Amino acid sequence: MKKHRISDIITIVLFLSILFGFGAAFWILPDVDVSQVEGRPMQQTPSFTTGYRDNASLVTYTGTDYLLHGYLADEFDEYYCDQFPLRRFFLGLHAATESLSYRGVNGGVLKVGDELAVTRFDAAGFTGLTEYYSEEHVRAALGNLHSVCEGLDVPVKVMLPPRSIDVKAPFMGYPTEISDSLHLLTEEVMGEEYVELLSYMRRLMEDGHKPYFTTDHHWTVEGAYEAYATLMRDWGLTPYAKEDFEFVTVTEDFQGTTLRNGNYFYMEGESLQLARYEGDEDFTVTLLSKLLTPGEEYEGLYNFAATETEDAYSIFLHGKPLQMSITLEGAERETLLVYKDSFGHSLVPFLARHFDIFVLDNQSETYGNNISSAVAATGADRVLVVYNMENVIETGKLANLKG
């Protein structure tokens, strides 16, 4: 009996120590402002003076009303979830146990061996994450894009980079029917402007290359080179050979959004490379507050300090530019307008070897919804639309695009 009593006391002491230890840690440790996991602002300590804004009723609750309506309790619940000590460790531990139990998908991310790919998306027309896409939504979005492109009086190409799962599915034992139907639909709607990439990317993987990151949803520089070469050939132009670039590793510890979304923090990082070439540091990169209003200037295409941050991918094009120009002093070259999302960031450095470039992000408020106005303002000789398939199925931006 005495031995059992001692073991019970030890168990109770350990349990209370853990319980009160974590409770004390909430108040001792400083609050985290931005999550390293999701990259979003974290809930801070609720207060009566701040209160809660109910956007549905447009009422702000403070003081006693804040407490009596239960919003203070809800805020504290969210606060404890966001600021839980060792939160990143426990999320990673959960992902590891899920993987060991062969559940396969965690946080919408499929893990097979050492490979990751997002399989579940916030697709338009569905509630919650889903593996499917709305054919009606995609057809409408691409149909509008096709009409806009047909109305332009300069050569235009549309590049819709496949999702990582579209490329990796055959090599991860994952069904390809959804991916294949999505890209067949795209080819059907888009016509001659469309630059087909899925077959090339799968062929690269089949040959043992790595066109997409393991830990991120973007293509690697090797994948971006394949997209660049395919585009140039489609335009009847000659791309530089792969041997004309020096592929330089700038970090061996890149961990992208796919790893973070799946909470696979126990996995090692991977290499992030640049395709360097003589003279790439001579470009003048100008951030534009409006499409033709110069702002901050940089020399060269890369922000090398980004490799020391959580968002190492922002090494390309100095972050996430809404509008920028890339020029080479003394060179007489065609002007290319690139309407892009983040997949364009690692692609543009290849194209800068051929063209002066205006970069226009789809989030831009100046010309973000009107390509023809941007063409007229910049005097562009060619247009390239780079908009990845995940954005196509999740957002309505292409449906709102104007010619």
Protein backbone atom coordinates (compact mmCIF):
# COMPACT_ATOMS: atom_id res chain seq x y z
CA MET A 1 0.00 0.00 0.00
CA LYS A 2 2.82 2.40 0.88
CA LYS A 3 4.53 1.85 -2.48
CA HIS A 4 1.29 2.56 -4.34
CA ARG A 5 0.77 5.72 -2.29
CA ILE A 6 4.27 7.00 -3.13
CA SER A 7 3.79 6.34 -6.86
CA ASP A 8 0.40 8.09 -6.74
CA ILE A 9 1.96 11.13 -5.07
CA ILE A 10 4.74 11.23 -7.67
CA THR A 11 2.17 11.03 -10.48
CA ILE A 12 0.08 13.83 -8.96
CA VAL A 13 3.13 16.05 -8.39
CA LEU A 14 4.35 15.52 -11.96
CA PHE A 15 0.88 16.21 -13.38
CA LEU A 16 0.43 19.39 -11.33
CA SER A 17 3.96 20.54 -12.16
CA ILE A 18 3.28 20.20 -15.89
CA LEU A 19 -0.15 21.81 -15.58
CA PHE A 20 0.97 24.78 -13.51
CA GLY A 21 4.26 25.02 -15.41
CA PHE A 22 2.50 25.52 -18.72
CA GLY A 23 0.04 27.90 -17.07
CA ALA A 24 2.87 30.01 -15.68
CA ALA A 25 4.67 29.95 -19.03
CA PHE A 26 1.72 31.74 -20.63
CA TRP A 27 2.42 34.79 -18.47
CA ILE A 28 6.22 34.57 -18.26
CA LEU A 29 7.00 34.07 -21.96
CA PRO A 30 6.45 37.04 -24.30
CA ASP A 31 3.53 36.75 -26.69
CA VAL A 32 4.32 35.81 -30.28
CA ASP A 33 3.22 38.51 -32.73
CA VAL A 34 3.32 36.49 -35.96
CA SER A 35 3.18 32.70 -36.25
CA GLN A 36 6.20 30.95 -37.76
CA VAL A 37 3.78 28.15 -38.60
CA GLU A 38 0.97 29.85 -40.52
CA GLY A 39 2.63 33.23 -41.08
CA ARG A 40 -0.45 34.98 -39.64
CA PRO A 41 -0.89 37.48 -36.77
CA MET A 42 -1.38 35.69 -33.46
CA GLN A 43 -4.09 36.46 -30.91
CA GLN A 44 -2.77 38.82 -28.23
CA THR A 45 -3.96 39.09 -24.61
CA PRO A 46 -7.63 40.15 -24.69
CA SER A 47 -8.64 43.29 -22.77
CA PHE A 48 -11.89 45.02 -21.82
CA THR A 49 -10.78 48.23 -23.55
CA THR A 50 -10.16 46.50 -26.88
CA GLY A 51 -13.33 44.43 -26.94
CA TYR A 52 -14.66 42.49 -29.90
CA ARG A 53 -16.02 43.68 -33.26
CA ASP A 54 -18.85 41.50 -34.60
CA ASN A 55 -18.62 42.10 -38.34
CA ALA A 56 -21.94 40.37 -38.97
CA SER A 57 -23.94 42.77 -36.78
CA LEU A 58 -21.46 45.68 -37.04
CA VAL A 59 -21.55 45.96 -33.23
CA THR A 60 -18.48 46.40 -31.02
CA TYR A 61 -18.72 44.80 -27.58
CA THR A 62 -16.60 46.21 -24.73
CA GLY A 63 -16.57 46.14 -20.96
CA THR A 64 -19.40 44.17 -19.33
CA ASP A 65 -21.11 43.40 -22.67
CA TYR A 66 -17.81 41.94 -23.90
CA LEU A 67 -17.87 39.54 -20.92
CA LEU A 68 -21.59 38.72 -20.78
CA HIS A 69 -21.92 37.89 -24.49
CA GLY A 70 -19.10 35.35 -24.16
CA TYR A 71 -16.71 37.13 -26.51
CA LEU A 72 -14.05 37.55 -23.81
CA ALA A 73 -14.07 33.80 -23.22
CA ASP A 74 -13.82 33.16 -26.97
CA GLU A 75 -10.87 35.56 -27.26
CA PHE A 76 -9.08 33.88 -24.35
CA ASP A 77 -9.71 30.48 -25.93
CA GLU A 78 -8.08 31.69 -29.16
CA TYR A 79 -5.29 33.34 -27.17
CA TYR A 80 -4.40 30.10 -25.36
CA CYS A 81 -4.45 28.16 -28.63
CA ASP A 82 -2.16 30.67 -30.36
CA GLN A 83 0.26 31.33 -27.50
CA PHE A 84 0.53 27.77 -26.13
CA PRO A 85 4.15 27.14 -25.02
CA LEU A 86 6.09 24.85 -27.38
CA ARG A 87 3.21 25.13 -29.86
CA ARG A 88 5.47 24.52 -32.87
CA PHE A 89 6.97 21.41 -31.22
CA PHE A 90 3.58 19.87 -30.42
CA LEU A 91 2.24 20.59 -33.92
CA GLY A 92 5.28 18.86 -35.36
CA LEU A 93 4.86 15.93 -32.96
CA HIS A 94 1.24 15.53 -34.05
CA ALA A 95 2.27 15.53 -37.72
CA ALA A 96 4.96 12.92 -37.02
CA THR A 97 2.53 10.59 -35.26
CA GLU A 98 0.02 11.01 -38.09
CA SER A 99 2.74 10.08 -40.57
CA LEU A 100 3.82 7.05 -38.54
CA SER A 101 0.23 5.84 -38.42
CA TYR A 102 0.07 6.03 -42.25
CA ARG A 103 -2.77 8.55 -42.24
CA GLY A 104 -0.98 10.23 -45.16
CA VAL A 105 -2.55 13.71 -45.11
CA ASN A 106 -2.05 16.29 -42.35
CA GLY A 107 -3.34 19.84 -42.66
CA GLY A 108 -4.25 19.14 -46.28
CA VAL A 109 -0.67 18.07 -47.09
CA LEU A 110 0.15 14.57 -48.33
CA LYS A 111 3.42 13.00 -47.16
CA VAL A 112 4.78 9.95 -48.94
CA GLY A 113 8.31 9.01 -47.93
CA ASP A 114 10.32 12.23 -48.01
CA GLU A 115 8.01 13.99 -50.48
CA LEU A 116 5.25 16.48 -49.69
CA ALA A 117 2.41 17.90 -51.78
CA VAL A 118 -0.75 19.86 -50.99
CA THR A 119 -3.82 17.81 -51.90
CA ARG A 120 -6.68 19.77 -50.30
CA PHE A 121 -7.53 23.32 -51.31
CA ASP A 122 -9.93 26.09 -50.39
CA ALA A 123 -11.57 25.70 -53.77
CA ALA A 124 -14.30 28.08 -54.87
CA GLY A 125 -17.74 26.48 -54.66
CA PHE A 126 -16.87 24.20 -51.73
CA THR A 127 -17.09 24.58 -47.95
CA GLY A 128 -13.79 23.74 -46.26
CA LEU A 129 -10.74 22.10 -47.77
CA THR A 130 -11.36 19.73 -50.66
CA GLU A 131 -9.46 17.68 -53.23
CA TYR A 132 -11.87 18.76 -55.96
CA TYR A 133 -12.39 21.85 -58.08
CA SER A 134 -15.48 23.52 -59.50
CA GLU A 135 -15.53 23.02 -63.27
CA GLU A 136 -18.02 25.88 -63.60
CA HIS A 137 -15.71 28.26 -61.69
CA VAL A 138 -12.57 27.25 -63.58
CA ARG A 139 -14.27 27.39 -66.98
CA ALA A 140 -15.64 30.88 -66.27
CA ALA A 141 -12.30 32.19 -65.01
CA LEU A 142 -10.27 30.79 -67.89
CA GLY A 143 -12.91 31.77 -70.43
CA ASN A 144 -12.66 35.38 -69.32
CA LEU A 145 -8.85 35.24 -69.40
CA HIS A 146 -8.97 33.82 -72.92
CA SER A 147 -11.25 36.65 -74.06
CA VAL A 148 -8.95 39.26 -72.52
CA CYS A 149 -5.90 37.78 -74.23
CA GLU A 150 -7.65 37.62 -77.60
CA GLY A 151 -8.40 41.33 -77.33
CA LEU A 152 -4.74 42.34 -76.95
CA ASP A 153 -2.93 43.58 -80.07
CA VAL A 154 0.50 42.26 -78.96
CA PRO A 155 1.78 38.67 -78.72
CA VAL A 156 0.55 37.08 -75.49
CA LYS A 157 1.15 33.79 -73.74
CA VAL A 158 -0.57 32.33 -70.69
CA MET A 159 1.36 30.13 -68.29
CA LEU A 160 -0.73 28.39 -65.62
CA PRO A 161 1.82 26.46 -63.55
CA PRO A 162 0.41 23.14 -62.34
CA ARG A 163 0.05 22.51 -58.62
CA SER A 164 2.74 20.40 -57.00
CA ILE A 165 0.29 17.50 -56.59
CA ASP A 166 -0.51 17.66 -60.33
CA VAL A 167 3.17 17.06 -61.08
CA LYS A 168 4.00 14.67 -58.24
CA ALA A 169 0.86 12.50 -58.12
CA PRO A 170 2.15 9.69 -60.41
CA PHE A 171 5.31 9.44 -58.30
CA MET A 172 3.54 9.50 -54.92
CA GLY A 173 0.97 6.79 -55.69
CA TYR A 174 -1.78 9.41 -55.71
CA PRO A 175 -4.68 9.36 -58.23
CA THR A 176 -4.13 11.62 -61.24
CA GLU A 177 -7.72 11.83 -62.52
CA ILE A 178 -8.48 15.24 -60.97
CA SER A 179 -5.18 16.75 -62.07
CA ASP A 180 -5.50 15.38 -65.59
CA SER A 181 -9.09 16.58 -66.03
CA LEU A 182 -8.18 20.04 -64.72
CA HIS A 183 -5.41 20.45 -67.26
CA LEU A 184 -7.44 19.02 -70.13
CA LEU A 185 -10.13 21.58 -69.31
CA THR A 186 -7.48 24.31 -69.33
CA GLU A 187 -6.15 23.29 -72.74
CA GLU A 188 -9.69 23.17 -74.11
CA VAL A 189 -10.60 26.68 -72.95
CA MET A 190 -7.32 28.54 -73.42
CA GLY A 191 -6.37 27.61 -76.97
CA GLU A 192 -3.17 28.79 -78.68
CA GLU A 193 -2.14 31.28 -75.97
CA TYR A 194 -1.70 28.49 -73.42
CA VAL A 195 1.81 27.26 -72.57
CA GLU A 196 1.34 23.62 -71.50
CA LEU A 197 3.78 22.64 -68.73
CA LEU A 198 2.41 19.58 -66.92
CA SER A 199 3.87 16.99 -69.29
CA TYR A 200 7.30 18.67 -69.19
CA MET A 201 7.37 18.82 -65.40
CA ARG A 202 6.34 15.18 -65.02
CA ARG A 203 9.00 14.18 -67.53
CA LEU A 204 11.62 16.01 -65.46
CA MET A 205 10.57 14.06 -62.36
CA GLU A 206 10.59 10.82 -64.31
CA ASP A 207 14.20 11.57 -65.30
CA GLY A 208 15.17 12.09 -61.66
CA HIS A 209 15.09 15.91 -61.61
CA LYS A 210 13.31 18.11 -59.11
CA PRO A 211 11.07 20.71 -60.79
CA TYR A 212 9.14 21.48 -57.58
CA PHE A 213 10.29 21.92 -54.01
CA THR A 214 9.59 19.24 -51.42
CA THR A 215 8.70 21.70 -48.65
CA ASP A 216 7.04 24.40 -50.75
CA HIS A 217 4.32 24.68 -53.41
CA HIS A 218 6.51 26.66 -55.86
CA TRP A 219 8.64 25.27 -58.64
CA THR A 220 12.40 25.19 -58.12
CA VAL A 221 14.77 27.19 -60.30
CA GLU A 222 15.17 24.03 -62.38
CA GLY A 223 11.41 23.96 -62.91
CA ALA A 224 11.39 27.70 -63.66
CA TYR A 225 14.09 27.16 -66.29
CA GLU A 226 11.94 24.52 -68.00
CA ALA A 227 9.01 26.95 -68.02
CA TYR A 228 11.22 29.71 -69.45
CA ALA A 229 12.62 27.49 -72.22
CA THR A 230 9.15 26.22 -73.16
CA LEU A 231 7.79 29.76 -73.33
CA MET A 232 10.62 31.00 -75.55
CA ARG A 233 10.15 28.10 -77.96
CA ASP A 234 6.39 28.73 -78.06
CA TRP A 235 7.15 32.32 -79.06
CA GLY A 236 9.54 31.16 -81.76
CA LEU A 237 12.53 32.54 -79.84
CA THR A 238 15.72 30.78 -78.76
CA PRO A 239 16.21 30.22 -75.03
CA TYR A 240 19.64 30.13 -73.46
CA ALA A 241 20.81 26.59 -72.81
CA LYS A 242 20.85 25.28 -69.28
CA GLU A 243 24.63 25.24 -69.46
CA ASP A 244 24.60 29.03 -69.94
CA PHE A 245 23.53 29.44 -66.30
CA GLU A 246 25.38 28.70 -63.10
CA PHE A 247 23.04 27.12 -60.58
CA VAL A 248 24.15 28.46 -57.20
CA THR A 249 22.84 27.23 -53.84
CA VAL A 250 22.10 30.14 -51.50
CA THR A 251 20.70 28.13 -48.57
CA GLU A 252 20.48 24.47 -47.60
CA ASP A 253 17.76 25.09 -45.02
CA PHE A 254 14.79 26.31 -47.05
CA GLN A 255 11.46 25.33 -45.46
CA GLY A 256 8.44 26.51 -47.41
CA THR A 257 4.70 26.82 -46.96
CA THR A 258 3.89 23.16 -47.66
CA LEU A 259 6.02 22.00 -44.74
CA ARG A 260 4.53 24.66 -42.47
CA ASN A 261 0.94 23.94 -43.50
CA GLY A 262 1.44 20.24 -42.77
CA ASN A 263 3.37 20.99 -39.54
CA TYR A 264 6.22 18.71 -40.63
CA PHE A 265 8.76 20.69 -38.62
CA TYR A 266 10.86 17.63 -37.89
CA MET A 267 11.83 17.41 -41.56
CA GLU A 268 15.11 18.90 -42.72
CA GLY A 269 15.22 21.91 -44.99
CA GLU A 270 16.26 21.73 -48.63
CA SER A 271 18.43 23.70 -51.00
CA LEU A 272 17.23 26.85 -52.71
CA GLN A 273 19.13 27.78 -55.86
CA LEU A 274 19.52 30.74 -58.18
CA ALA A 275 20.38 30.56 -61.87
CA ARG A 276 23.17 33.16 -62.14
CA TYR A 277 24.72 34.52 -65.30
CA GLU A 278 27.24 37.20 -66.18
CA GLY A 279 25.66 40.64 -65.95
CA ASP A 280 22.64 39.70 -63.83
CA GLU A 281 23.87 42.12 -61.17
CA ASP A 282 23.76 45.01 -63.69
CA PHE A 283 19.96 45.16 -63.91
CA THR A 284 18.21 48.10 -62.29
CA VAL A 285 15.15 46.95 -60.36
CA THR A 286 12.74 49.78 -59.55
CA LEU A 287 9.75 49.36 -57.27
CA LEU A 288 6.83 51.39 -58.58
CA SER A 289 4.19 53.03 -56.39
CA LYS A 290 2.15 53.29 -59.55
CA LEU A 291 3.03 51.50 -62.76
CA LEU A 292 5.17 54.36 -64.09
CA THR A 293 6.00 56.20 -60.84
CA PRO A 294 9.53 55.23 -59.72
CA GLY A 295 10.17 54.35 -56.10
CA GLU A 296 13.00 52.49 -54.40
CA GLU A 297 15.77 51.16 -56.65
CA TYR A 298 17.98 48.08 -56.33
CA GLU A 299 20.95 46.76 -58.26
CA GLY A 300 20.53 43.17 -59.34
CA LEU A 301 17.60 40.79 -59.17
CA TYR A 302 18.05 39.28 -55.72
CA ASN A 303 17.70 40.21 -52.07
CA PHE A 304 20.29 37.89 -50.52
CA ALA A 305 19.40 38.95 -46.97
CA ALA A 306 16.10 37.07 -47.37
CA THR A 307 17.90 33.74 -46.94
CA GLU A 308 18.28 34.59 -43.25
CA THR A 309 14.51 34.97 -42.79
CA GLU A 310 11.53 32.60 -42.60
CA ASP A 311 10.54 33.63 -46.13
CA ALA A 312 13.70 32.73 -48.05
CA TYR A 313 11.72 32.59 -51.31
CA SER A 314 11.51 36.40 -51.18
CA ILE A 315 15.13 36.46 -52.36
CA PHE A 316 13.60 36.68 -55.85
CA LEU A 317 12.69 40.18 -57.06
CA HIS A 318 13.32 41.72 -53.63
CA GLY A 319 10.24 40.31 -51.95
CA LYS A 320 6.66 40.42 -53.14
CA PRO A 321 6.48 43.37 -55.54
CA LEU A 322 3.08 44.58 -56.68
CA GLN A 323 4.68 46.63 -59.46
CA MET A 324 8.27 46.94 -60.62
CA SER A 325 10.42 47.52 -63.66
CA ILE A 326 13.62 45.70 -64.63
CA THR A 327 15.88 47.47 -67.10
CA LEU A 328 19.42 47.21 -68.43
CA GLU A 329 21.09 50.52 -69.17
CA GLY A 330 22.22 51.03 -72.77
CA ALA A 331 20.43 47.95 -74.13
CA GLU A 332 17.83 48.17 -76.90
CA ARG A 333 15.37 45.41 -76.13
CA GLU A 334 11.71 44.54 -76.38
CA THR A 335 9.51 45.33 -73.40
CA LEU A 336 7.68 42.45 -71.77
CA LEU A 337 4.73 42.93 -69.40
CA VAL A 338 4.50 40.08 -66.90
CA TYR A 339 1.17 39.78 -65.09
CA LYS A 340 2.02 37.32 -62.35
CA ASP A 341 1.57 35.75 -58.98
CA SER A 342 4.49 34.42 -56.93
CA PHE A 343 5.36 31.72 -59.50
CA GLY A 344 6.64 34.52 -61.70
CA HIS A 345 9.32 35.52 -59.19
CA SER A 346 11.83 32.79 -60.07
CA LEU A 347 10.86 32.92 -63.75
CA VAL A 348 11.46 36.63 -64.37
CA PRO A 349 15.27 36.47 -63.87
CA PHE A 350 15.52 34.16 -66.91
CA LEU A 351 13.36 36.47 -69.02
CA ALA A 352 15.33 39.54 -67.97
CA ARG A 353 18.18 38.21 -70.09
CA HIS A 354 16.04 38.93 -73.16
CA PHE A 355 13.61 41.74 -72.30
CA ASP A 356 13.12 44.92 -70.33
CA ILE A 357 10.30 43.93 -68.02
CA PHE A 358 7.37 45.52 -66.24
CA VAL A 359 6.15 43.23 -63.47
CA LEU A 360 2.51 43.57 -62.46
CA ASP A 361 1.16 41.50 -59.58
CA ASN A 362 -2.44 40.33 -59.65
CA GLN A 363 -2.92 42.09 -56.28
CA SER A 364 -2.01 45.50 -57.73
CA GLU A 365 -4.70 48.14 -57.34
CA THR A 366 -3.39 50.30 -60.21
CA TYR A 367 -3.65 48.00 -63.24
CA GLY A 368 -4.23 44.68 -61.53
CA ASN A 369 -7.56 44.11 -63.25
CA ASN A 370 -6.88 45.69 -66.65
CA ILE A 371 -4.12 44.24 -68.78
CA SER A 372 -4.82 46.30 -71.90
CA SER A 373 -4.48 49.55 -69.92
CA ALA A 374 -1.16 48.30 -68.53
CA VAL A 375 0.02 47.42 -72.06
CA ALA A 376 -0.85 50.91 -73.27
CA ALA A 377 0.83 52.58 -70.29
CA THR A 378 4.08 50.61 -70.56
CA GLY A 379 4.30 50.28 -74.34
CA ALA A 380 4.80 46.56 -73.90
CA ASP A 381 5.71 44.55 -77.01
CA ARG A 382 4.66 41.24 -75.47
CA VAL A 383 2.56 40.02 -72.55
CA LEU A 384 3.02 36.99 -70.33
CA VAL A 385 0.40 35.89 -67.80
CA VAL A 386 1.80 33.64 -65.04
CA TYR A 387 -0.94 32.50 -62.68
CA ASN A 388 -0.68 29.19 -60.89
CA MET A 389 -3.47 26.63 -60.98
CA GLU A 390 -4.06 26.76 -57.23
CA ASN A 391 -5.05 30.43 -57.54
CA VAL A 392 -7.28 29.58 -60.49
CA ILE A 393 -9.37 27.10 -58.52
CA GLU A 394 -9.41 29.15 -55.28
CA THR A 395 -9.93 32.77 -56.37
CA GLY A 396 -12.07 34.80 -58.73
CA LYS A 397 -9.38 37.23 -59.90
CA LEU A 398 -9.23 35.90 -63.46
CA ALA A 399 -13.00 36.19 -63.80
CA ASN A 400 -12.71 39.90 -62.92
CA LEU A 401 -9.84 40.57 -65.31
CA LYS A 402 -10.56 43.20 -67.95
CA GLY A 403 -9.11 43.58 -71.41
